[in-house]
Amino acid sequence: MNILVVEDEPLVRLTIVDALLDAGFTVIEATTAEEALKHCDHVDALFTDIRLPGDLTGWDIAERCREAHPNIPVIYATGFSHVPHRNVPGSVFFPKPYRADHVIQAIRELTTGV
């Protein structure tokens, strides 16, 4: 299963990518929304930070990826407590810091319908 990880903080990205690889997932990494949008057609799930460099956010990435793939599961993460949570079907929201095993469990549940 291919997971697109969009995270601009290198240490945070490395930590979640390593955990996903250890769990048996294939990972595509992106540090910006613009870079991430190039990969929407090649992934089974999206894990994205909400606040990213540039004009687009994680919300924007998910919205654009879902234009072509409406059922792609999305896991949102943010370290900013003032970012309002949006109830988006087929998605999960994690405040930072999050536990990688919780993210992995959420991906499995969202992609298997459990």
PDB file of N, CA and C in Angstrom:
ATOM      1  N   MET A   1       0.841  -1.167   0.000  1.00  0.00           N
ATOM      2  CA  MET A   1       0.000   0.000   0.000  1.00  0.00           C
ATOM      3  C   MET A   1       0.893   1.239   0.000  1.00  0.00           C
ATOM      4  N   ASN A   2       0.599   2.191  -0.873  1.00  0.00           N
ATOM      5  CA  ASN A   2       1.389   3.406  -1.024  1.00  0.00           C
ATOM      6  C   ASN A   2       0.791   4.539  -0.194  1.00  0.00           C
ATOM      7  N   ILE A   3       1.616   5.122   0.669  1.00  0.00           N
ATOM      8  CA  ILE A   3       1.192   6.226   1.518  1.00  0.00           C
ATOM      9  C   ILE A   3       1.997   7.464   1.141  1.00  0.00           C
ATOM     10  N   LEU A   4       1.298   8.565   0.869  1.00  0.00           N
ATOM     11  CA  LEU A   4       1.956   9.844   0.620  1.00  0.00           C
ATOM     12  C   LEU A   4       2.059  10.583   1.946  1.00  0.00           C
ATOM     13  N   VAL A   5       3.290  10.886   2.366  1.00  0.00           N
ATOM     14  CA  VAL A   5       3.542  11.616   3.598  1.00  0.00           C
ATOM     15  C   VAL A   5       3.989  13.029   3.234  1.00  0.00           C
ATOM     16  N   VAL A   6       3.220  14.016   3.688  1.00  0.00           N
ATOM     17  CA  VAL A   6       3.536  15.413   3.412  1.00  0.00           C
ATOM     18  C   VAL A   6       3.842  16.092   4.744  1.00  0.00           C
ATOM     19  N   GLU A   7       5.103  16.391   4.951  1.00  0.00           N
ATOM     20  CA  GLU A   7       5.558  16.974   6.217  1.00  0.00           C
ATOM     21  C   GLU A   7       6.815  17.776   5.942  1.00  0.00           C
ATOM     22  N   ASP A   8       6.825  19.041   6.341  1.00  0.00           N
ATOM     23  CA  ASP A   8       7.974  19.896   6.065  1.00  0.00           C
ATOM     24  C   ASP A   8       9.056  19.827   7.133  1.00  0.00           C
ATOM     25  N   GLU A   9       8.749  19.311   8.313  1.00  0.00           N
ATOM     26  CA  GLU A   9       9.756  19.192   9.375  1.00  0.00           C
ATOM     27  C   GLU A   9      10.512  17.875   9.198  1.00  0.00           C
ATOM     28  N   PRO A  10      11.821  17.940   8.885  1.00  0.00           N
ATOM     29  CA  PRO A  10      12.580  16.728   8.554  1.00  0.00           C
ATOM     30  C   PRO A  10      12.533  15.627   9.617  1.00  0.00           C
ATOM     31  N   LEU A  11      12.712  15.971  10.878  1.00  0.00           N
ATOM     32  CA  LEU A  11      12.742  14.948  11.918  1.00  0.00           C
ATOM     33  C   LEU A  11      11.366  14.289  12.083  1.00  0.00           C
ATOM     34  N   VAL A  12      10.314  15.079  12.012  1.00  0.00           N
ATOM     35  CA  VAL A  12       8.957  14.527  12.119  1.00  0.00           C
ATOM     36  C   VAL A  12       8.680  13.614  10.932  1.00  0.00           C
ATOM     37  N   ARG A  13       9.071  14.062   9.737  1.00  0.00           N
ATOM     38  CA  ARG A  13       8.852  13.265   8.526  1.00  0.00           C
ATOM     39  C   ARG A  13       9.626  11.948   8.602  1.00  0.00           C
ATOM     40  N   LEU A  14      10.883  12.020   8.999  1.00  0.00           N
ATOM     41  CA  LEU A  14      11.712  10.821   9.105  1.00  0.00           C
ATOM     42  C   LEU A  14      11.104   9.823  10.089  1.00  0.00           C
ATOM     43  N   THR A  15      10.625  10.308  11.202  1.00  0.00           N
ATOM     44  CA  THR A  15      10.056   9.429  12.225  1.00  0.00           C
ATOM     45  C   THR A  15       8.835   8.687  11.710  1.00  0.00           C
ATOM     46  N   ILE A  16       7.893   9.397  11.084  1.00  0.00           N
ATOM     47  CA  ILE A  16       6.675   8.730  10.621  1.00  0.00           C
ATOM     48  C   ILE A  16       6.963   7.865   9.402  1.00  0.00           C
ATOM     49  N   VAL A  17       7.850   8.308   8.526  1.00  0.00           N
ATOM     50  CA  VAL A  17       8.211   7.503   7.349  1.00  0.00           C
ATOM     51  C   VAL A  17       8.853   6.191   7.787  1.00  0.00           C
ATOM     52  N   ASP A  18       9.782   6.248   8.725  1.00  0.00           N
ATOM     53  CA  ASP A  18      10.431   5.024   9.215  1.00  0.00           C
ATOM     54  C   ASP A  18       9.404   4.067   9.823  1.00  0.00           C
ATOM     55  N   ALA A  19       8.472   4.608  10.601  1.00  0.00           N
ATOM     56  CA  ALA A  19       7.440   3.762  11.220  1.00  0.00           C
ATOM     57  C   ALA A  19       6.553   3.116  10.159  1.00  0.00           C
ATOM     58  N   LEU A  20       6.183   3.871   9.145  1.00  0.00           N
ATOM     59  CA  LEU A  20       5.341   3.326   8.072  1.00  0.00           C
ATOM     60  C   LEU A  20       6.084   2.250   7.275  1.00  0.00           C
ATOM     61  N   LEU A  21       7.353   2.491   6.986  1.00  0.00           N
ATOM     62  CA  LEU A  21       8.155   1.490   6.278  1.00  0.00           C
ATOM     63  C   LEU A  21       8.279   0.219   7.114  1.00  0.00           C
ATOM     64  N   ASP A  22       8.535   0.379   8.417  1.00  0.00           N
ATOM     65  CA  ASP A  22       8.633  -0.781   9.306  1.00  0.00           C
ATOM     66  C   ASP A  22       7.330  -1.562   9.364  1.00  0.00           C
ATOM     67  N   ALA A  23       6.207  -0.866   9.165  1.00  0.00           N
ATOM     68  CA  ALA A  23       4.897  -1.513   9.199  1.00  0.00           C
ATOM     69  C   ALA A  23       4.536  -2.151   7.857  1.00  0.00           C
ATOM     70  N   GLY A  24       5.429  -2.020   6.866  1.00  0.00           N
ATOM     71  CA  GLY A  24       5.209  -2.684   5.589  1.00  0.00           C
ATOM     72  C   GLY A  24       4.608  -1.829   4.495  1.00  0.00           C
ATOM     73  N   PHE A  25       4.460  -0.537   4.738  1.00  0.00           N
ATOM     74  CA  PHE A  25       3.910   0.351   3.723  1.00  0.00           C
ATOM     75  C   PHE A  25       5.011   0.848   2.797  1.00  0.00           C
ATOM     76  N   THR A  26       4.633   1.209   1.587  1.00  0.00           N
ATOM     77  CA  THR A  26       5.509   1.930   0.681  1.00  0.00           C
ATOM     78  C   THR A  26       5.208   3.406   0.877  1.00  0.00           C
ATOM     79  N   VAL A  27       6.241   4.239   0.943  1.00  0.00           N
ATOM     80  CA  VAL A  27       6.047   5.647   1.279  1.00  0.00           C
ATOM     81  C   VAL A  27       6.602   6.539   0.185  1.00  0.00           C
ATOM     82  N   ILE A  28       5.822   7.546  -0.161  1.00  0.00           N
ATOM     83  CA  ILE A  28       6.269   8.626  -1.032  1.00  0.00           C
ATOM     84  C   ILE A  28       6.310   9.872  -0.152  1.00  0.00           C
ATOM     85  N   GLU A  29       7.432  10.574  -0.151  1.00  0.00           N
ATOM     86  CA  GLU A  29       7.603  11.746   0.705  1.00  0.00           C
ATOM     87  C   GLU A  29       7.494  13.035  -0.093  1.00  0.00           C
ATOM     88  N   ALA A  30       6.894  14.052   0.553  1.00  0.00           N
ATOM     89  CA  ALA A  30       6.835  15.394  -0.014  1.00  0.00           C
ATOM     90  C   ALA A  30       6.982  16.395   1.121  1.00  0.00           C
ATOM     91  N   THR A  31       7.626  17.521   0.830  1.00  0.00           N
ATOM     92  CA  THR A  31       7.802  18.550   1.854  1.00  0.00           C
ATOM     93  C   THR A  31       6.924  19.771   1.620  1.00  0.00           C
ATOM     94  N   THR A  32       6.311  19.853   0.442  1.00  0.00           N
ATOM     95  CA  THR A  32       5.422  20.970   0.126  1.00  0.00           C
ATOM     96  C   THR A  32       4.138  20.437  -0.505  1.00  0.00           C
ATOM     97  N   ALA A  33       3.119  21.264  -0.482  1.00  0.00           N
ATOM     98  CA  ALA A  33       1.852  20.884  -1.103  1.00  0.00           C
ATOM     99  C   ALA A  33       2.027  20.709  -2.607  1.00  0.00           C
ATOM    100  N   GLU A  34       2.765  21.600  -3.209  1.00  0.00           N
ATOM    101  CA  GLU A  34       2.967  21.536  -4.652  1.00  0.00           C
ATOM    102  C   GLU A  34       3.624  20.218  -5.064  1.00  0.00           C
ATOM    103  N   GLU A  35       4.614  19.801  -4.299  1.00  0.00           N
ATOM    104  CA  GLU A  35       5.291  18.531  -4.559  1.00  0.00           C
ATOM    105  C   GLU A  35       4.331  17.357  -4.346  1.00  0.00           C
ATOM    106  N   ALA A  36       3.533  17.434  -3.301  1.00  0.00           N
ATOM    107  CA  ALA A  36       2.595  16.352  -2.973  1.00  0.00           C
ATOM    108  C   ALA A  36       1.554  16.154  -4.073  1.00  0.00           C
ATOM    109  N   LEU A  37       1.071  17.227  -4.653  1.00  0.00           N
ATOM    110  CA  LEU A  37       0.011  17.126  -5.658  1.00  0.00           C
ATOM    111  C   LEU A  37       0.437  16.326  -6.882  1.00  0.00           C
ATOM    112  N   LYS A  38       1.718  16.218  -7.112  1.00  0.00           N
ATOM    113  CA  LYS A  38       2.229  15.434  -8.240  1.00  0.00           C
ATOM    114  C   LYS A  38       2.041  13.927  -8.025  1.00  0.00           C
ATOM    115  N   HIS A  39       1.762  13.525  -6.779  1.00  0.00           N
ATOM    116  CA  HIS A  39       1.710  12.103  -6.444  1.00  0.00           C
ATOM    117  C   HIS A  39       0.316  11.573  -6.127  1.00  0.00           C
ATOM    118  N   CYS A  40      -0.697  12.398  -6.214  1.00  0.00           N
ATOM    119  CA  CYS A  40      -2.054  11.976  -5.823  1.00  0.00           C
ATOM    120  C   CYS A  40      -2.535  10.732  -6.558  1.00  0.00           C
ATOM    121  N   ASP A  41      -2.137  10.584  -7.798  1.00  0.00           N
ATOM    122  CA  ASP A  41      -2.614   9.448  -8.594  1.00  0.00           C
ATOM    123  C   ASP A  41      -1.909   8.137  -8.259  1.00  0.00           C
ATOM    124  N   HIS A  42      -0.906   8.193  -7.404  1.00  0.00           N
ATOM    125  CA  HIS A  42      -0.077   7.012  -7.159  1.00  0.00           C
ATOM    126  C   HIS A  42      -0.126   6.513  -5.717  1.00  0.00           C
ATOM    127  N   VAL A  43      -1.117   6.966  -4.941  1.00  0.00           N
ATOM    128  CA  VAL A  43      -1.145   6.584  -3.529  1.00  0.00           C
ATOM    129  C   VAL A  43      -2.511   6.033  -3.126  1.00  0.00           C
ATOM    130  N   ASP A  44      -2.478   5.258  -2.046  1.00  0.00           N
ATOM    131  CA  ASP A  44      -3.689   4.661  -1.495  1.00  0.00           C
ATOM    132  C   ASP A  44      -4.205   5.417  -0.273  1.00  0.00           C
ATOM    133  N   ALA A  45      -3.331   6.250   0.324  1.00  0.00           N
ATOM    134  CA  ALA A  45      -3.720   7.058   1.474  1.00  0.00           C
ATOM    135  C   ALA A  45      -2.776   8.257   1.561  1.00  0.00           C
ATOM    136  N   LEU A  46      -3.277   9.309   2.200  1.00  0.00           N
ATOM    137  CA  LEU A  46      -2.526  10.547   2.355  1.00  0.00           C
ATOM    138  C   LEU A  46      -2.369  10.861   3.832  1.00  0.00           C
ATOM    139  N   PHE A  47      -1.133  11.128   4.249  1.00  0.00           N
ATOM    140  CA  PHE A  47      -0.843  11.620   5.597  1.00  0.00           C
ATOM    141  C   PHE A  47      -0.230  12.994   5.415  1.00  0.00           C
ATOM    142  N   THR A  48      -0.893  14.040   5.931  1.00  0.00           N
ATOM    143  CA  THR A  48      -0.384  15.386   5.686  1.00  0.00           C
ATOM    144  C   THR A  48      -0.443  16.286   6.903  1.00  0.00           C
ATOM    145  N   ASP A  49       0.625  17.048   7.058  1.00  0.00           N
ATOM    146  CA  ASP A  49       0.617  18.149   8.001  1.00  0.00           C
ATOM    147  C   ASP A  49      -0.357  19.181   7.426  1.00  0.00           C
ATOM    148  N   ILE A  50      -0.995  19.939   8.287  1.00  0.00           N
ATOM    149  CA  ILE A  50      -1.940  20.941   7.796  1.00  0.00           C
ATOM    150  C   ILE A  50      -1.218  22.219   7.388  1.00  0.00           C
ATOM    151  N   ARG A  51      -0.303  22.695   8.221  1.00  0.00           N
ATOM    152  CA  ARG A  51       0.431  23.925   7.911  1.00  0.00           C
ATOM    153  C   ARG A  51       1.722  23.562   7.213  1.00  0.00           C
ATOM    154  N   LEU A  52       1.860  24.071   5.998  1.00  0.00           N
ATOM    155  CA  LEU A  52       3.021  23.781   5.159  1.00  0.00           C
ATOM    156  C   LEU A  52       3.549  25.075   4.572  1.00  0.00           C
ATOM    157  N   PRO A  53       4.806  25.086   4.118  1.00  0.00           N
ATOM    158  CA  PRO A  53       5.318  26.281   3.450  1.00  0.00           C
ATOM    159  C   PRO A  53       4.565  26.529   2.145  1.00  0.00           C
ATOM    160  N   GLY A  54       4.417  27.769   1.794  1.00  0.00           N
ATOM    161  CA  GLY A  54       3.738  28.112   0.540  1.00  0.00           C
ATOM    162  C   GLY A  54       2.286  28.492   0.776  1.00  0.00           C
ATOM    163  N   ASP A  55       1.553  28.570  -0.309  1.00  0.00           N
ATOM    164  CA  ASP A  55       0.178  29.050  -0.262  1.00  0.00           C
ATOM    165  C   ASP A  55      -0.852  27.973   0.035  1.00  0.00           C
ATOM    166  N   LEU A  56      -0.492  26.706  -0.128  1.00  0.00           N
ATOM    167  CA  LEU A  56      -1.452  25.621   0.041  1.00  0.00           C
ATOM    168  C   LEU A  56      -1.254  24.926   1.384  1.00  0.00           C
ATOM    169  N   THR A  57      -2.339  24.389   1.911  1.00  0.00           N
ATOM    170  CA  THR A  57      -2.308  23.674   3.186  1.00  0.00           C
ATOM    171  C   THR A  57      -2.573  22.187   2.959  1.00  0.00           C
ATOM    172  N   GLY A  58      -2.478  21.426   4.036  1.00  0.00           N
ATOM    173  CA  GLY A  58      -2.845  20.017   3.964  1.00  0.00           C
ATOM    174  C   GLY A  58      -4.305  19.832   3.580  1.00  0.00           C
ATOM    175  N   TRP A  59      -5.165  20.748   4.052  1.00  0.00           N
ATOM    176  CA  TRP A  59      -6.578  20.684   3.649  1.00  0.00           C
ATOM    177  C   TRP A  59      -6.681  20.783   2.129  1.00  0.00           C
ATOM    178  N   ASP A  60      -5.902  21.710   1.526  1.00  0.00           N
ATOM    179  CA  ASP A  60      -5.927  21.906   0.068  1.00  0.00           C
ATOM    180  C   ASP A  60      -5.440  20.662  -0.674  1.00  0.00           C
ATOM    181  N   ILE A  61      -4.388  20.032  -0.160  1.00  0.00           N
ATOM    182  CA  ILE A  61      -3.869  18.819  -0.800  1.00  0.00           C
ATOM    183  C   ILE A  61      -4.958  17.748  -0.839  1.00  0.00           C
ATOM    184  N   ALA A  62      -5.576  17.524   0.306  1.00  0.00           N
ATOM    185  CA  ALA A  62      -6.610  16.488   0.378  1.00  0.00           C
ATOM    186  C   ALA A  62      -7.767  16.805  -0.568  1.00  0.00           C
ATOM    187  N   GLU A  63      -8.186  18.050  -0.584  1.00  0.00           N
ATOM    188  CA  GLU A  63      -9.298  18.441  -1.452  1.00  0.00           C
ATOM    189  C   GLU A  63      -8.957  18.188  -2.918  1.00  0.00           C
ATOM    190  N   ARG A  64      -7.765  18.551  -3.322  1.00  0.00           N
ATOM    191  CA  ARG A  64      -7.362  18.373  -4.724  1.00  0.00           C
ATOM    192  C   ARG A  64      -7.144  16.900  -5.067  1.00  0.00           C
ATOM    193  N   CYS A  65      -6.542  16.144  -4.169  1.00  0.00           N
ATOM    194  CA  CYS A  65      -6.370  14.709  -4.425  1.00  0.00           C
ATOM    195  C   CYS A  65      -7.731  14.024  -4.528  1.00  0.00           C
ATOM    196  N   ARG A  66      -8.673  14.463  -3.713  1.00  0.00           N
ATOM    197  CA  ARG A  66      -9.998  13.838  -3.715  1.00  0.00           C
ATOM    198  C   ARG A  66     -10.850  14.253  -4.913  1.00  0.00           C
ATOM    199  N   GLU A  67     -10.441  15.263  -5.647  1.00  0.00           N
ATOM    200  CA  GLU A  67     -11.152  15.595  -6.882  1.00  0.00           C
ATOM    201  C   GLU A  67     -11.059  14.426  -7.858  1.00  0.00           C
ATOM    202  N   ALA A  68      -9.896  13.814  -7.942  1.00  0.00           N
ATOM    203  CA  ALA A  68      -9.700  12.674  -8.847  1.00  0.00           C
ATOM    204  C   ALA A  68      -9.953  11.340  -8.153  1.00  0.00           C
ATOM    205  N   HIS A  69      -9.751  11.302  -6.839  1.00  0.00           N
ATOM    206  CA  HIS A  69      -9.883  10.064  -6.060  1.00  0.00           C
ATOM    207  C   HIS A  69     -10.705  10.358  -4.810  1.00  0.00           C
ATOM    208  N   PRO A  70     -12.021  10.428  -4.941  1.00  0.00           N
ATOM    209  CA  PRO A  70     -12.875  10.888  -3.836  1.00  0.00           C
ATOM    210  C   PRO A  70     -12.801  10.054  -2.561  1.00  0.00           C
ATOM    211  N   ASN A  71     -12.381   8.821  -2.656  1.00  0.00           N
ATOM    212  CA  ASN A  71     -12.382   7.955  -1.473  1.00  0.00           C
ATOM    213  C   ASN A  71     -11.013   7.769  -0.838  1.00  0.00           C
ATOM    214  N   ILE A  72     -10.036   8.566  -1.239  1.00  0.00           N
ATOM    215  CA  ILE A  72      -8.698   8.400  -0.654  1.00  0.00           C
ATOM    216  C   ILE A  72      -8.751   8.765   0.834  1.00  0.00           C
ATOM    217  N   PRO A  73      -8.296   7.863   1.687  1.00  0.00           N
ATOM    218  CA  PRO A  73      -8.255   8.160   3.119  1.00  0.00           C
ATOM    219  C   PRO A  73      -7.196   9.223   3.404  1.00  0.00           C
ATOM    220  N   VAL A  74      -7.513  10.104   4.366  1.00  0.00           N
ATOM    221  CA  VAL A  74      -6.600  11.185   4.711  1.00  0.00           C
ATOM    222  C   VAL A  74      -6.397  11.216   6.223  1.00  0.00           C
ATOM    223  N   ILE A  75      -5.143  11.316   6.616  1.00  0.00           N
ATOM    224  CA  ILE A  75      -4.786  11.515   8.015  1.00  0.00           C
ATOM    225  C   ILE A  75      -4.139  12.889   8.092  1.00  0.00           C
ATOM    226  N   TYR A  76      -4.773  13.775   8.857  1.00  0.00           N
ATOM    227  CA  TYR A  76      -4.269  15.133   9.039  1.00  0.00           C
ATOM    228  C   TYR A  76      -3.505  15.215  10.354  1.00  0.00           C
ATOM    229  N   ALA A  77      -2.444  16.031  10.383  1.00  0.00           N
ATOM    230  CA  ALA A  77      -1.697  16.267  11.611  1.00  0.00           C
ATOM    231  C   ALA A  77      -1.334  17.746  11.698  1.00  0.00           C
ATOM    232  N   THR A  78      -1.301  18.262  12.920  1.00  0.00           N
ATOM    233  CA  THR A  78      -0.844  19.629  13.115  1.00  0.00           C
ATOM    234  C   THR A  78      -0.302  19.813  14.520  1.00  0.00           C
ATOM    235  N   GLY A  79       0.675  20.691  14.615  1.00  0.00           N
ATOM    236  CA  GLY A  79       1.222  21.057  15.910  1.00  0.00           C
ATOM    237  C   GLY A  79       0.647  22.359  16.420  1.00  0.00           C
ATOM    238  N   PHE A  80      -0.295  22.932  15.670  1.00  0.00           N
ATOM    239  CA  PHE A  80      -0.890  24.205  16.046  1.00  0.00           C
ATOM    240  C   PHE A  80      -2.269  23.963  16.641  1.00  0.00           C
ATOM    241  N   SER A  81      -2.396  24.221  17.919  1.00  0.00           N
ATOM    242  CA  SER A  81      -3.664  23.935  18.598  1.00  0.00           C
ATOM    243  C   SER A  81      -4.791  24.842  18.131  1.00  0.00           C
ATOM    244  N   HIS A  82      -4.466  25.987  17.537  1.00  0.00           N
ATOM    245  CA  HIS A  82      -5.516  26.904  17.090  1.00  0.00           C
ATOM    246  C   HIS A  82      -6.068  26.558  15.707  1.00  0.00           C
ATOM    247  N   VAL A  83      -5.522  25.542  15.064  1.00  0.00           N
ATOM    248  CA  VAL A  83      -6.053  25.106  13.771  1.00  0.00           C
ATOM    249  C   VAL A  83      -7.329  24.325  14.041  1.00  0.00           C
ATOM    250  N   PRO A  84      -8.464  24.803  13.528  1.00  0.00           N
ATOM    251  CA  PRO A  84      -9.718  24.087  13.806  1.00  0.00           C
ATOM    252  C   PRO A  84      -9.774  22.733  13.110  1.00  0.00           C
ATOM    253  N   HIS A  85     -10.314  21.777  13.834  1.00  0.00           N
ATOM    254  CA  HIS A  85     -10.507  20.428  13.297  1.00  0.00           C
ATOM    255  C   HIS A  85     -11.714  20.454  12.367  1.00  0.00           C
ATOM    256  N   ARG A  86     -11.585  19.833  11.215  1.00  0.00           N
ATOM    257  CA  ARG A  86     -12.705  19.712  10.275  1.00  0.00           C
ATOM    258  C   ARG A  86     -13.145  18.256  10.247  1.00  0.00           C
ATOM    259  N   ASN A  87     -14.430  18.039  10.330  1.00  0.00           N
ATOM    260  CA  ASN A  87     -14.956  16.677  10.213  1.00  0.00           C
ATOM    261  C   ASN A  87     -15.108  16.336   8.739  1.00  0.00           C
ATOM    262  N   VAL A  88     -14.144  15.625   8.200  1.00  0.00           N
ATOM    263  CA  VAL A  88     -14.132  15.242   6.797  1.00  0.00           C
ATOM    264  C   VAL A  88     -14.299  13.730   6.739  1.00  0.00           C
ATOM    265  N   PRO A  89     -15.344  13.240   6.060  1.00  0.00           N
ATOM    266  CA  PRO A  89     -15.522  11.780   5.964  1.00  0.00           C
ATOM    267  C   PRO A  89     -14.274  11.108   5.398  1.00  0.00           C
ATOM    268  N   GLY A  90     -13.966   9.925   5.945  1.00  0.00           N
ATOM    269  CA  GLY A  90     -12.809   9.175   5.462  1.00  0.00           C
ATOM    270  C   GLY A  90     -11.488   9.754   5.904  1.00  0.00           C
ATOM    271  N   SER A  91     -11.507  10.500   7.021  1.00  0.00           N
ATOM    272  CA  SER A  91     -10.267  11.099   7.495  1.00  0.00           C
ATOM    273  C   SER A  91     -10.172  11.027   9.010  1.00  0.00           C
ATOM    274  N   VAL A  92      -8.952  11.233   9.492  1.00  0.00           N
ATOM    275  CA  VAL A  92      -8.656  11.253  10.918  1.00  0.00           C
ATOM    276  C   VAL A  92      -7.737  12.438  11.171  1.00  0.00           C
ATOM    277  N   PHE A  93      -7.876  13.055  12.335  1.00  0.00           N
ATOM    278  CA  PHE A  93      -7.083  14.213  12.711  1.00  0.00           C
ATOM    279  C   PHE A  93      -6.237  13.873  13.931  1.00  0.00           C
ATOM    280  N   PHE A  94      -4.913  14.130  13.856  1.00  0.00           N
ATOM    281  CA  PHE A  94      -4.015  13.903  14.979  1.00  0.00           C
ATOM    282  C   PHE A  94      -3.309  15.205  15.357  1.00  0.00           C
ATOM    283  N   PRO A  95      -3.425  15.614  16.613  1.00  0.00           N
ATOM    284  CA  PRO A  95      -2.592  16.735  17.068  1.00  0.00           C
ATOM    285  C   PRO A  95      -1.171  16.232  17.309  1.00  0.00           C
ATOM    286  N   LYS A  96      -0.192  17.085  17.057  1.00  0.00           N
ATOM    287  CA  LYS A  96       1.199  16.739  17.347  1.00  0.00           C
ATOM    288  C   LYS A  96       1.469  17.062  18.805  1.00  0.00           C
ATOM    289  N   PRO A  97       2.231  16.271  19.505  1.00  0.00           N
ATOM    290  CA  PRO A  97       2.865  15.052  19.009  1.00  0.00           C
ATOM    291  C   PRO A  97       1.870  13.895  18.973  1.00  0.00           C
ATOM    292  N   TYR A  98       2.012  13.056  17.995  1.00  0.00           N
ATOM    293  CA  TYR A  98       1.153  11.878  17.853  1.00  0.00           C
ATOM    294  C   TYR A  98       2.029  10.643  17.959  1.00  0.00           C
ATOM    295  N   ARG A  99       1.392   9.532  18.190  1.00  0.00           N
ATOM    296  CA  ARG A  99       2.129   8.259  18.245  1.00  0.00           C
ATOM    297  C   ARG A  99       2.037   7.589  16.876  1.00  0.00           C
ATOM    298  N   ALA A 100       3.163   7.137  16.362  1.00  0.00           N
ATOM    299  CA  ALA A 100       3.203   6.517  15.042  1.00  0.00           C
ATOM    300  C   ALA A 100       2.307   5.287  14.975  1.00  0.00           C
ATOM    301  N   ASP A 101       2.228   4.520  16.063  1.00  0.00           N
ATOM    302  CA  ASP A 101       1.378   3.327  16.029  1.00  0.00           C
ATOM    303  C   ASP A 101      -0.099   3.693  15.902  1.00  0.00           C
ATOM    304  N   HIS A 102      -0.487   4.848  16.429  1.00  0.00           N
ATOM    305  CA  HIS A 102      -1.873   5.301  16.255  1.00  0.00           C
ATOM    306  C   HIS A 102      -2.137   5.695  14.804  1.00  0.00           C
ATOM    307  N   VAL A 103      -1.158   6.326  14.172  1.00  0.00           N
ATOM    308  CA  VAL A 103      -1.291   6.687  12.754  1.00  0.00           C
ATOM    309  C   VAL A 103      -1.399   5.428  11.898  1.00  0.00           C
ATOM    310  N   ILE A 104      -0.558   4.453  12.168  1.00  0.00           N
ATOM    311  CA  ILE A 104      -0.589   3.195  11.411  1.00  0.00           C
ATOM    312  C   ILE A 104      -1.932   2.500  11.581  1.00  0.00           C
ATOM    313  N   GLN A 105      -2.430   2.464  12.799  1.00  0.00           N
ATOM    314  CA  GLN A 105      -3.743   1.864  13.051  1.00  0.00           C
ATOM    315  C   GLN A 105      -4.834   2.610  12.289  1.00  0.00           C
ATOM    316  N   ALA A 106      -4.779   3.932  12.283  1.00  0.00           N
ATOM    317  CA  ALA A 106      -5.781   4.721  11.564  1.00  0.00           C
ATOM    318  C   ALA A 106      -5.732   4.449  10.065  1.00  0.00           C
ATOM    319  N   ILE A 107      -4.537   4.350   9.509  1.00  0.00           N
ATOM    320  CA  ILE A 107      -4.403   4.054   8.078  1.00  0.00           C
ATOM    321  C   ILE A 107      -5.020   2.699   7.773  1.00  0.00           C
ATOM    322  N   ARG A 108      -4.707   1.720   8.590  1.00  0.00           N
ATOM    323  CA  ARG A 108      -5.258   0.378   8.360  1.00  0.00           C
ATOM    324  C   ARG A 108      -6.783   0.385   8.458  1.00  0.00           C
ATOM    325  N   GLU A 109      -7.316   1.077   9.441  1.00  0.00           N
ATOM    326  CA  GLU A 109      -8.773   1.132   9.595  1.00  0.00           C
ATOM    327  C   GLU A 109      -9.436   1.869   8.438  1.00  0.00           C
ATOM    328  N   LEU A 110      -8.848   2.983   8.018  1.00  0.00           N
ATOM    329  CA  LEU A 110      -9.439   3.757   6.924  1.00  0.00           C
ATOM    330  C   LEU A 110      -9.357   3.032   5.586  1.00  0.00           C
ATOM    331  N   THR A 111      -8.315   2.237   5.391  1.00  0.00           N
ATOM    332  CA  THR A 111      -8.151   1.577   4.095  1.00  0.00           C
ATOM    333  C   THR A 111      -8.839   0.216   4.021  1.00  0.00           C
ATOM    334  N   THR A 112      -9.224  -0.324   5.169  1.00  0.00           N
ATOM    335  CA  THR A 112      -9.923  -1.611   5.147  1.00  0.00           C
ATOM    336  C   THR A 112     -11.386  -1.480   5.534  1.00  0.00           C
ATOM    337  N   GLY A 113     -11.767  -0.275   5.952  1.00  0.00           N
ATOM    338  CA  GLY A 113     -13.160  -0.062   6.331  1.00  0.00           C
ATOM    339  C   GLY A 113     -13.526  -0.632   7.679  1.00  0.00           C
ATOM    340  N   VAL A 114     -12.514  -0.955   8.503  1.00  0.00           N
ATOM    341  CA  VAL A 114     -12.764  -1.526   9.832  1.00  0.00           C
ATOM    342  C   VAL A 114     -13.221  -0.440  10.774  1.00  0.00           C
TER     343      VAL A 114
END
